Protein backbone atom coordinates (compact mmCIF):
# COMPACT_ATOMS: atom_id res chain seq x y z
CA MET A 1 -7.85 43.00 12.60
CA LYS A 2 -7.34 39.28 12.56
CA THR A 3 -6.20 37.76 9.66
CA MET A 4 -7.88 35.03 7.46
CA PHE A 5 -4.93 32.69 8.80
CA PRO A 6 -6.14 31.07 11.89
CA ALA A 7 -9.77 30.79 10.51
CA ILE A 8 -8.24 28.90 7.97
CA ALA A 9 -5.97 26.59 9.76
CA ALA A 10 -9.69 26.09 12.34
CA LEU A 11 -10.95 25.21 9.43
CA LEU A 12 -8.28 22.56 8.07
CA MET A 13 -8.41 21.36 11.44
CA ALA A 14 -12.44 20.75 12.16
CA ALA A 15 -11.81 19.02 8.79
CA LEU A 16 -9.23 17.00 8.63
CA SER A 17 -8.87 15.74 12.02
CA SER A 18 -7.45 12.33 12.51
CA THR A 19 -9.21 11.56 16.02
CA ALA A 20 -6.00 11.63 17.26
CA HIS A 21 -4.85 11.79 21.24
CA ALA A 22 -3.08 11.05 23.45
CA GLN A 23 -4.22 7.42 23.92
CA PRO A 24 -4.60 5.34 27.39
CA ALA A 25 -4.21 1.51 27.01
CA ALA A 26 -7.99 1.01 26.20
CA PRO A 27 -9.21 -1.11 28.87
CA ALA A 28 -10.70 -5.14 28.75
CA HIS A 29 -13.20 -5.23 25.85
CA GLU A 30 -14.68 -7.45 23.07
CA SER A 31 -14.81 -6.46 19.41
CA PHE A 32 -16.35 -8.22 16.49
CA VAL A 33 -17.09 -7.45 12.65
CA ILE A 34 -20.35 -6.43 10.91
CA GLN A 35 -21.33 -6.96 7.40
CA SER A 36 -23.04 -3.78 6.44
CA GLN A 37 -25.95 -4.34 4.09
CA ARG A 38 -26.61 -0.51 4.29
CA LEU A 39 -22.28 0.65 3.63
CA GLN A 40 -21.60 -3.22 1.58
CA GLU A 41 -18.76 -3.19 3.79
CA ALA A 42 -17.29 -4.78 6.89
CA ARG A 43 -17.27 -2.79 10.01
CA THR A 44 -15.41 -3.71 12.88
CA ILE A 45 -17.13 -2.74 16.43
CA ASN A 46 -15.43 -2.39 19.91
CA VAL A 47 -17.48 -3.14 23.02
CA TYR A 48 -16.07 -2.00 26.75
CA LEU A 49 -18.72 -3.95 29.20
CA PRO A 50 -18.86 -2.14 32.52
CA PRO A 51 -17.62 -4.49 35.70
CA ALA A 52 -19.71 -7.25 36.96
CA ASP A 53 -22.95 -5.79 38.68
CA ALA A 54 -26.25 -6.63 39.83
CA ALA A 55 -28.14 -5.20 37.24
CA PRO A 56 -30.04 -6.82 34.83
CA ALA A 57 -29.71 -4.38 31.64
CA HIS A 58 -27.13 -1.19 30.97
CA PRO A 59 -27.75 1.95 29.06
CA VAL A 60 -25.35 1.98 26.02
CA LEU A 61 -23.24 4.53 25.17
CA TYR A 62 -22.15 4.30 21.35
CA MET A 63 -19.31 6.40 19.67
CA PRO A 64 -18.27 6.94 16.08
CA ASP A 65 -14.38 7.24 15.98
CA GLY A 66 -14.07 4.43 17.99
CA GLY A 67 -11.41 2.34 16.88
CA VAL A 68 -8.77 1.73 19.46
CA ALA A 69 -6.45 3.76 17.77
CA GLU A 70 -8.77 6.26 17.56
CA ASP A 71 -11.10 7.66 20.55
CA PHE A 72 -12.28 4.63 21.88
CA PRO A 73 -9.63 4.06 24.41
CA HIS A 74 -9.78 7.18 26.41
CA VAL A 75 -13.29 6.85 26.01
CA ALA A 76 -13.73 3.63 27.13
CA ALA A 77 -10.94 4.25 30.03
CA THR A 78 -12.77 7.19 31.52
CA VAL A 79 -16.14 5.01 31.56
CA ASP A 80 -13.96 2.20 33.57
CA ALA A 81 -12.87 4.30 35.49
CA GLY A 82 -16.09 6.44 36.63
CA ILE A 83 -17.72 2.98 37.36
CA ARG A 84 -15.23 1.86 39.11
CA ALA A 85 -14.70 5.24 41.46
CA GLY A 86 -18.80 5.41 41.81
CA ARG A 87 -19.21 8.30 39.31
CA ILE A 88 -20.56 6.83 36.45
CA ALA A 89 -23.48 4.22 36.20
CA PRO A 90 -22.45 1.27 34.83
CA LEU A 91 -23.14 1.48 30.89
CA LEU A 92 -21.53 -0.33 27.72
CA VAL A 93 -19.28 1.82 24.95
CA VAL A 94 -19.90 1.00 21.52
CA GLY A 95 -17.47 1.50 19.39
CA ILE A 96 -17.82 1.80 15.25
CA GLU A 97 -14.05 2.30 14.24
CA ASN A 98 -13.90 3.83 10.95
CA THR A 99 -13.43 3.39 7.18
CA GLN A 100 -14.11 6.17 5.20
CA ARG A 101 -14.39 8.61 8.17
CA ARG A 102 -15.30 11.85 5.80
CA ARG A 103 -17.76 10.29 4.13
CA ASP A 104 -19.65 8.82 7.01
CA MET A 105 -20.01 11.82 9.00
CA THR A 106 -20.99 14.34 6.62
CA GLY A 107 -24.25 15.05 4.77
CA PRO A 108 -25.07 16.70 1.82
CA THR A 109 -23.14 19.78 0.38
CA GLU A 110 -23.45 22.28 -2.09
CA VAL A 111 -19.69 24.12 -1.14
CA ASP A 112 -17.03 23.15 -3.64
CA SER A 113 -14.69 23.44 -0.80
CA ASP A 114 -16.68 20.73 1.20
CA ARG A 115 -16.44 18.54 -1.19
CA ARG A 116 -12.59 18.43 -1.97
CA ILE A 117 -11.89 16.99 1.66
CA ALA A 118 -12.11 13.65 0.72
CA PRO A 119 -13.27 11.74 -2.09
CA VAL A 120 -16.16 10.84 -1.14
CA VAL A 121 -18.49 12.99 1.36
CA GLY A 122 -22.46 13.17 1.94
CA GLY A 123 -22.71 10.08 3.53
CA SER A 124 -24.27 9.85 6.75
CA ALA A 125 -27.67 8.98 5.70
CA ALA A 126 -26.63 5.43 5.03
CA PHE A 127 -24.48 5.77 8.31
CA ARG A 128 -27.18 6.50 10.18
CA ALA A 129 -28.92 3.33 8.96
CA PHE A 130 -26.41 1.43 9.49
CA ILE A 131 -26.71 2.39 13.18
CA ALA A 132 -30.30 2.14 13.33
CA GLU A 133 -31.00 -1.03 11.48
CA GLU A 134 -28.42 -2.94 11.60
CA LEU A 135 -25.92 -2.14 14.76
CA VAL A 136 -28.44 -1.26 17.33
CA PRO A 137 -30.35 -4.81 16.69
CA GLU A 138 -26.82 -6.23 17.15
CA ILE A 139 -26.02 -4.83 19.74
CA GLU A 140 -29.48 -5.78 21.92
CA ARG A 141 -28.99 -9.58 20.56
CA ARG A 142 -25.29 -9.46 22.18
CA TYR A 143 -25.93 -7.83 25.37
CA ARG A 144 -28.56 -7.15 27.90
CA THR A 145 -29.11 -3.29 27.10
CA THR A 146 -32.15 -1.19 28.91
CA GLY A 147 -33.04 0.44 25.56
CA SER A 148 -31.54 3.91 26.87
CA ARG A 149 -28.67 5.00 24.16
CA GLY A 150 -26.37 7.66 24.06
CA ILE A 151 -24.15 8.97 21.13
CA ILE A 152 -20.85 11.23 21.35
CA GLY A 153 -18.16 12.41 19.54
CA GLU A 154 -16.55 15.21 18.28
CA SER A 155 -15.64 17.57 15.06
CA LEU A 156 -17.00 15.61 12.12
CA ALA A 157 -18.52 13.07 14.63
CA GLY A 158 -20.16 16.21 16.29
CA LEU A 159 -21.67 17.13 13.14
CA PHE A 160 -22.88 13.73 12.79
CA ILE A 161 -24.37 13.60 16.05
CA VAL A 162 -26.21 17.26 15.46
CA GLU A 163 -27.49 16.18 12.31
CA THR A 164 -28.71 12.67 13.71
CA LEU A 165 -31.07 14.81 16.24
CA PHE A 166 -32.85 16.53 14.07
CA GLU A 167 -32.76 13.71 11.39
CA GLN A 168 -33.46 10.97 13.54
CA PRO A 169 -34.29 11.91 17.12
CA ALA A 170 -35.60 8.50 18.26
CA LEU A 171 -32.64 6.70 17.64
CA PHE A 172 -30.75 7.95 20.97
CA ASP A 173 -31.68 9.90 23.98
CA THR A 174 -28.91 11.40 25.12
CA TRP A 175 -26.34 13.39 22.74
CA ILE A 176 -22.92 14.52 23.55
CA ALA A 177 -21.23 17.00 21.03
CA PHE A 178 -17.85 18.45 21.52
CA SER A 179 -16.79 21.47 18.83
CA PRO A 180 -19.40 19.98 16.22
CA SER A 181 -18.41 20.80 12.42
CA LEU A 182 -21.50 22.54 11.84
CA TRP A 183 -19.98 25.28 9.40
CA TRP A 184 -20.58 21.98 7.09
CA ASN A 185 -22.50 23.10 3.98
CA ASP A 186 -22.27 26.98 4.88
CA ALA A 187 -23.84 26.06 8.43
CA ALA A 188 -26.86 24.95 6.87
CA LEU A 189 -27.68 22.81 10.13
CA THR A 190 -27.66 26.15 12.19
CA ARG A 191 -29.35 28.45 9.52
CA SER A 192 -32.00 25.62 9.10
CA ALA A 193 -32.62 24.97 13.27
CA GLY A 194 -35.67 27.32 13.96
CA GLU A 195 -37.63 25.92 11.33
CA ARG A 196 -36.96 22.11 12.32
CA LEU A 197 -37.84 22.74 15.60
CA ARG A 198 -41.21 24.17 14.97
CA GLY A 199 -41.74 21.10 13.37
CA MET A 200 -40.56 19.34 16.57
CA PRO A 201 -42.48 20.37 19.33
CA GLY A 202 -42.66 16.65 20.77
CA LEU A 203 -38.46 16.14 20.35
CA ARG A 204 -36.84 14.52 23.63
CA GLY A 205 -33.74 13.86 24.77
CA ARG A 206 -30.69 15.55 26.92
CA VAL A 207 -28.19 17.19 24.76
CA LEU A 208 -24.39 18.47 25.76
CA LEU A 209 -22.69 20.90 23.38
CA ALA A 210 -19.84 21.86 23.94
CA TRP A 211 -16.99 23.98 21.82
CA GLY A 212 -13.49 25.73 22.43
CA ASP A 213 -11.61 28.90 21.04
CA GLU A 214 -12.63 27.97 17.32
CA ASP A 215 -13.32 30.87 14.92
CA THR A 216 -15.09 28.18 12.71
CA ILE A 217 -17.09 26.29 15.17
CA GLY A 218 -18.05 28.75 17.96
CA PRO A 219 -20.21 31.15 16.00
CA HIS A 220 -22.38 28.57 14.80
CA ALA A 221 -22.53 26.43 17.96
CA GLN A 222 -23.51 28.94 20.06
CA ALA A 223 -26.04 30.50 17.28
CA LEU A 224 -27.96 26.81 17.26
CA SER A 225 -27.83 27.11 20.90
CA ASP A 226 -29.76 30.69 21.09
CA THR A 227 -32.02 28.92 18.79
CA VAL A 228 -32.57 25.84 20.63
CA GLU A 229 -32.91 28.27 24.03
CA ARG A 230 -35.40 30.08 22.32
CA ALA A 231 -37.47 26.81 20.89
CA ALA A 232 -38.04 26.01 24.80
CA LEU A 233 -38.70 22.55 23.98
CA PRO A 234 -39.94 21.18 27.28
CA GLY A 235 -38.55 17.48 26.77
CA LEU A 236 -35.20 18.75 25.68
CA GLN A 237 -32.62 19.11 28.09
CA TRP A 238 -30.12 21.12 26.53
CA GLN A 239 -26.81 22.16 27.85
CA ALA A 240 -24.92 24.87 26.24
CA MET A 241 -20.87 25.18 27.02
CA PRO A 242 -18.47 27.62 25.57
CA ARG A 243 -14.77 26.89 26.58
CA PRO A 244 -13.02 29.87 24.83
CA ASP A 245 -9.82 28.33 27.04
CA LEU A 246 -10.05 24.75 25.55
CA ARG A 247 -8.62 23.81 21.66
CA HIS A 248 -9.86 21.51 18.22
CA ASP A 249 -7.78 19.05 19.81
CA THR A 250 -8.03 19.43 23.64
CA ILE A 251 -11.51 19.20 24.10
CA TYR A 252 -12.89 15.81 23.55
CA THR A 253 -10.28 14.87 26.17
CA ALA A 254 -10.56 17.49 28.55
CA LEU A 255 -14.56 17.39 28.52
CA GLU A 256 -15.37 13.32 28.60
CA THR A 257 -14.71 12.98 31.94
CA MET A 258 -17.40 15.99 33.67
CA ALA A 259 -20.21 14.99 30.07
CA ILE A 260 -20.41 11.18 30.56
CA GLU A 261 -20.60 11.96 34.87
CA ARG A 262 -23.49 14.39 34.17
CA MET A 263 -25.34 12.46 31.58
CA TYR A 264 -24.94 9.24 33.17
CA PRO A 265 -24.10 9.93 37.25
CA ALA A 266 -24.13 6.76 39.26
CA ALA A 267 -27.25 6.17 41.24
CA PRO A 268 -26.57 7.25 45.25
CA ALA A 269 -25.24 4.70 47.69
CA ALA A 270 -28.06 3.08 49.84
CA GLY A 271 -27.98 5.88 52.60
CA ASP A 272 -26.81 8.82 51.64
CA GLY A 273 -30.10 10.44 51.56
CA ASP A 274 -29.93 10.37 54.85
CA ARG A 275 -26.85 11.88 55.78
């Protein structure tokens, strides 16, 4: 019989993850500060621009945990290498640097232990409003974009991504969530998924959900995936990827290349179809 200690350790890892990974150097990028009225604070934004090409505009991949000391360097480096190798379509990566991560990534909770992970939790609605009402318009003002928007993240950021899929599905068209902390609020997102999906018959988009060997995450992720597949929504392209060979602290860097290449494949070179 398993003891309780592995589950507790996994729970703490998911909740308290600092998003620390072995970091490559961030490729050339731009940074600016946006003064958010929604959040009542300044937020630093990091933007990777693809190498010059003939495309008049590009899709945008947004990422929470997007500081230069967080996940922005390895995601931007993956995108840059994939574009240069002809495996990833040119796209912008927009990293949102954290101020109060556990506030921004979590929704309300009725669970006392959830409330103790940070001085303030439950701010995901305000963070989502910041992205939708302030950040997206600013990115589209500054850069040439196609209007296609994706989001990528892990752990609590993955929780935010799944919540946003249900709460504001038109905000993004591509969703990549690694080991989302679906245990939050006694797994309320997973438990309510069936009812939510019955009210969303027109839900459209592409979703890739992956999880590792995590007792506090895997069962909820599998249950969510089973619910989505039973709903069989024609406009939703759902990809579930259990990876018990990966851990909470390795899954992001292990799968990001595959996930981004799958969601943003480069267009075939001219003449490839004749081979």
